[in-house]
């Protein structure tokens, strides 16, 4: 699951960070070069401290997107034992349907889903 999640998250992350770094003021880089920094030092001491906000946004956005990704796990995992907890209600419904309709079990399932 790590490989598909990374593959789906990487384009958003790369494009967002690239656009942010392209919009970095060149005056700050020129000032760093005048002060004696090379390209790597300018990146380390000027650009990366400025990019804390966008890095935080990308991390949170990617985490929430992958956390809520129900469909990818459903497509990529074929074994019921490996399904994440978000698929537990589907497993329970399948189990209840094979045993016949037991309405109190449905009520318990929905009560568990509703309560945090």
C-alpha atoms as a PDB file:
ATOM      1  CA  UNK A   1       0.000   0.000   0.000  1.00  0.00           C
ATOM      2  CA  UNK A   2       2.953   2.317   0.467  1.00  0.00           C
ATOM      3  CA  UNK A   3       3.838   2.323  -3.229  1.00  0.00           C
ATOM      4  CA  UNK A   4       0.349   3.221  -4.572  1.00  0.00           C
ATOM      5  CA  UNK A   5      -0.157   5.867  -1.893  1.00  0.00           C
ATOM      6  CA  UNK A   6       3.204   7.425  -2.724  1.00  0.00           C
ATOM      7  CA  UNK A   7       2.482   7.295  -6.444  1.00  0.00           C
ATOM      8  CA  UNK A   8      -0.840   9.079  -5.986  1.00  0.00           C
ATOM      9  CA  UNK A   9       0.543  11.688  -3.568  1.00  0.00           C
ATOM     10  CA  UNK A  10       3.760  12.543  -5.357  1.00  0.00           C
ATOM     11  CA  UNK A  11       2.360  14.653  -8.247  1.00  0.00           C
ATOM     12  CA  UNK A  12       0.480  16.976  -5.889  1.00  0.00           C
ATOM     13  CA  UNK A  13       3.499  17.334  -3.626  1.00  0.00           C
ATOM     14  CA  UNK A  14       5.972  17.977  -6.432  1.00  0.00           C
ATOM     15  CA  UNK A  15       3.789  20.502  -8.245  1.00  0.00           C
ATOM     16  CA  UNK A  16       2.900  22.400  -5.087  1.00  0.00           C
ATOM     17  CA  UNK A  17       6.472  22.615  -3.823  1.00  0.00           C
ATOM     18  CA  UNK A  18       7.831  23.445  -7.296  1.00  0.00           C
ATOM     19  CA  UNK A  19       5.405  26.334  -7.714  1.00  0.00           C
ATOM     20  CA  UNK A  20       6.341  27.645  -4.293  1.00  0.00           C
ATOM     21  CA  UNK A  21      10.076  27.459  -4.988  1.00  0.00           C
ATOM     22  CA  UNK A  22       9.636  29.096  -8.410  1.00  0.00           C
ATOM     23  CA  UNK A  23       7.939  32.058  -6.737  1.00  0.00           C
ATOM     24  CA  UNK A  24      10.764  32.554  -4.222  1.00  0.00           C
ATOM     25  CA  UNK A  25      12.099  36.095  -4.409  1.00  0.00           C
ATOM     26  CA  UNK A  26      15.334  36.215  -6.358  1.00  0.00           C
ATOM     27  CA  UNK A  27      16.439  39.224  -4.317  1.00  0.00           C
ATOM     28  CA  UNK A  28      16.843  36.999  -1.261  1.00  0.00           C
ATOM     29  CA  UNK A  29      18.947  34.534  -3.231  1.00  0.00           C
ATOM     30  CA  UNK A  30      21.047  37.370  -4.655  1.00  0.00           C
ATOM     31  CA  UNK A  31      21.555  38.788  -1.158  1.00  0.00           C
ATOM     32  CA  UNK A  32      22.635  35.361   0.087  1.00  0.00           C
ATOM     33  CA  UNK A  33      25.118  35.064  -2.789  1.00  0.00           C
ATOM     34  CA  UNK A  34      26.520  38.520  -2.017  1.00  0.00           C
ATOM     35  CA  UNK A  35      26.920  37.483   1.632  1.00  0.00           C
ATOM     36  CA  UNK A  36      29.077  34.555   0.514  1.00  0.00           C
ATOM     37  CA  UNK A  37      26.646  31.635   0.313  1.00  0.00           C
ATOM     38  CA  UNK A  38      26.845  29.111  -2.456  1.00  0.00           C
ATOM     39  CA  UNK A  39      23.698  27.546  -3.959  1.00  0.00           C
ATOM     40  CA  UNK A  40      23.419  24.813  -1.348  1.00  0.00           C
ATOM     41  CA  UNK A  41      23.886  27.232   1.565  1.00  0.00           C
ATOM     42  CA  UNK A  42      21.310  29.594   0.062  1.00  0.00           C
ATOM     43  CA  UNK A  43      18.854  26.723  -0.178  1.00  0.00           C
ATOM     44  CA  UNK A  44      19.598  25.580   3.381  1.00  0.00           C
ATOM     45  CA  UNK A  45      19.654  28.984   5.098  1.00  0.00           C
ATOM     46  CA  UNK A  46      17.204  31.038   3.000  1.00  0.00           C
ATOM     47  CA  UNK A  47      14.729  28.948   1.008  1.00  0.00           C
ATOM     48  CA  UNK A  48      14.035  26.069   3.398  1.00  0.00           C
ATOM     49  CA  UNK A  49      13.223  28.291   6.405  1.00  0.00           C
ATOM     50  CA  UNK A  50      10.808  30.224   4.183  1.00  0.00           C
ATOM     51  CA  UNK A  51       9.125  27.022   3.043  1.00  0.00           C
ATOM     52  CA  UNK A  52       8.008  25.787   6.477  1.00  0.00           C
ATOM     53  CA  UNK A  53       4.430  26.904   5.875  1.00  0.00           C
ATOM     54  CA  UNK A  54       4.030  25.247   2.476  1.00  0.00           C
ATOM     55  CA  UNK A  55       5.740  22.095   3.730  1.00  0.00           C
ATOM     56  CA  UNK A  56       3.282  21.913   6.610  1.00  0.00           C
ATOM     57  CA  UNK A  57       0.346  22.411   4.242  1.00  0.00           C
ATOM     58  CA  UNK A  58       1.591  19.702   1.890  1.00  0.00           C
ATOM     59  CA  UNK A  59       2.174  17.239   4.734  1.00  0.00           C
ATOM     60  CA  UNK A  60      -1.273  17.824   6.251  1.00  0.00           C
ATOM     61  CA  UNK A  61      -3.049  17.769   2.878  1.00  0.00           C
ATOM     62  CA  UNK A  62      -1.280  14.583   1.791  1.00  0.00           C
ATOM     63  CA  UNK A  63      -1.875  12.888   5.139  1.00  0.00           C
ATOM     64  CA  UNK A  64      -5.579  13.662   5.096  1.00  0.00           C
ATOM     65  CA  UNK A  65      -5.903  12.604   1.474  1.00  0.00           C
ATOM     66  CA  UNK A  66      -4.239   9.265   2.102  1.00  0.00           C
ATOM     67  CA  UNK A  67      -6.008   8.728   5.430  1.00  0.00           C
ATOM     68  CA  UNK A  68      -9.393   9.100   3.771  1.00  0.00           C
ATOM     69  CA  UNK A  69      -8.485   7.073   0.687  1.00  0.00           C
ATOM     70  CA  UNK A  70     -10.973   4.272   0.740  1.00  0.00           C
ATOM     71  CA  UNK A  71     -10.961   3.311  -2.918  1.00  0.00           C
ATOM     72  CA  UNK A  72      -7.236   2.618  -3.374  1.00  0.00           C
ATOM     73  CA  UNK A  73      -7.139   0.160  -0.500  1.00  0.00           C
ATOM     74  CA  UNK A  74     -10.261  -1.512  -1.818  1.00  0.00           C
ATOM     75  CA  UNK A  75      -8.737  -1.967  -5.284  1.00  0.00           C
ATOM     76  CA  UNK A  76      -5.180  -2.921  -4.290  1.00  0.00           C
ATOM     77  CA  UNK A  77      -5.842  -5.365  -1.440  1.00  0.00           C
ATOM     78  CA  UNK A  78      -7.447  -8.674  -2.326  1.00  0.00           C
ATOM     79  CA  UNK A  79      -7.278 -10.426   1.055  1.00  0.00           C
ATOM     80  CA  UNK A  80      -9.916  -9.710   3.708  1.00  0.00           C
ATOM     81  CA  UNK A  81      -7.346 -10.146   6.479  1.00  0.00           C
ATOM     82  CA  UNK A  82      -5.241  -7.252   5.178  1.00  0.00           C
ATOM     83  CA  UNK A  83      -8.034  -4.697   4.834  1.00  0.00           C
ATOM     84  CA  UNK A  84      -7.682  -1.599   7.004  1.00  0.00           C
ATOM     85  CA  UNK A  85     -10.192  -0.725   9.718  1.00  0.00           C
ATOM     86  CA  UNK A  86     -12.126   1.542   7.345  1.00  0.00           C
ATOM     87  CA  UNK A  87     -13.324  -1.598   5.545  1.00  0.00           C
ATOM     88  CA  UNK A  88     -14.608  -3.265   8.713  1.00  0.00           C
ATOM     89  CA  UNK A  89     -18.241  -2.153   8.196  1.00  0.00           C
ATOM     90  CA  UNK A  90     -18.283  -3.768   4.711  1.00  0.00           C
ATOM     91  CA  UNK A  91     -16.916  -6.989   6.150  1.00  0.00           C
ATOM     92  CA  UNK A  92     -19.554  -6.949   8.874  1.00  0.00           C
ATOM     93  CA  UNK A  93     -22.374  -6.373   6.374  1.00  0.00           C
ATOM     94  CA  UNK A  94     -21.099  -9.261   4.251  1.00  0.00           C
ATOM     95  CA  UNK A  95     -20.914 -11.462   7.348  1.00  0.00           C
ATOM     96  CA  UNK A  96     -24.432 -10.512   8.426  1.00  0.00           C
ATOM     97  CA  UNK A  97     -25.826 -11.142   4.945  1.00  0.00           C
ATOM     98  CA  UNK A  98     -24.387 -14.662   4.894  1.00  0.00           C
ATOM     99  CA  UNK A  99     -25.996 -15.415   8.267  1.00  0.00           C
ATOM    100  CA  UNK A 100     -29.337 -13.885   7.349  1.00  0.00           C
ATOM    101  CA  UNK A 101     -30.683 -10.465   8.211  1.00  0.00           C
ATOM    102  CA  UNK A 102     -30.241  -9.800  11.888  1.00  0.00           C
ATOM    103  CA  UNK A 103     -31.460  -6.271  12.474  1.00  0.00           C
ATOM    104  CA  UNK A 104     -29.933  -5.759  15.905  1.00  0.00           C
ATOM    105  CA  UNK A 105     -26.479  -6.363  14.404  1.00  0.00           C
ATOM    106  CA  UNK A 106     -27.102  -3.662  11.817  1.00  0.00           C
ATOM    107  CA  UNK A 107     -28.142  -1.317  14.604  1.00  0.00           C
ATOM    108  CA  UNK A 108     -24.958  -2.023  16.528  1.00  0.00           C
ATOM    109  CA  UNK A 109     -22.872  -1.453  13.393  1.00  0.00           C
ATOM    110  CA  UNK A 110     -24.437   1.929  12.698  1.00  0.00           C
ATOM    111  CA  UNK A 111     -24.184   2.906  16.339  1.00  0.00           C
ATOM    112  CA  UNK A 112     -20.439   2.139  16.246  1.00  0.00           C
ATOM    113  CA  UNK A 113     -20.067   4.109  13.002  1.00  0.00           C
ATOM    114  CA  UNK A 114     -21.830   7.166  14.380  1.00  0.00           C
ATOM    115  CA  UNK A 115     -20.106   7.375  17.755  1.00  0.00           C
ATOM    116  CA  UNK A 116     -16.501   8.554  17.840  1.00  0.00           C
END
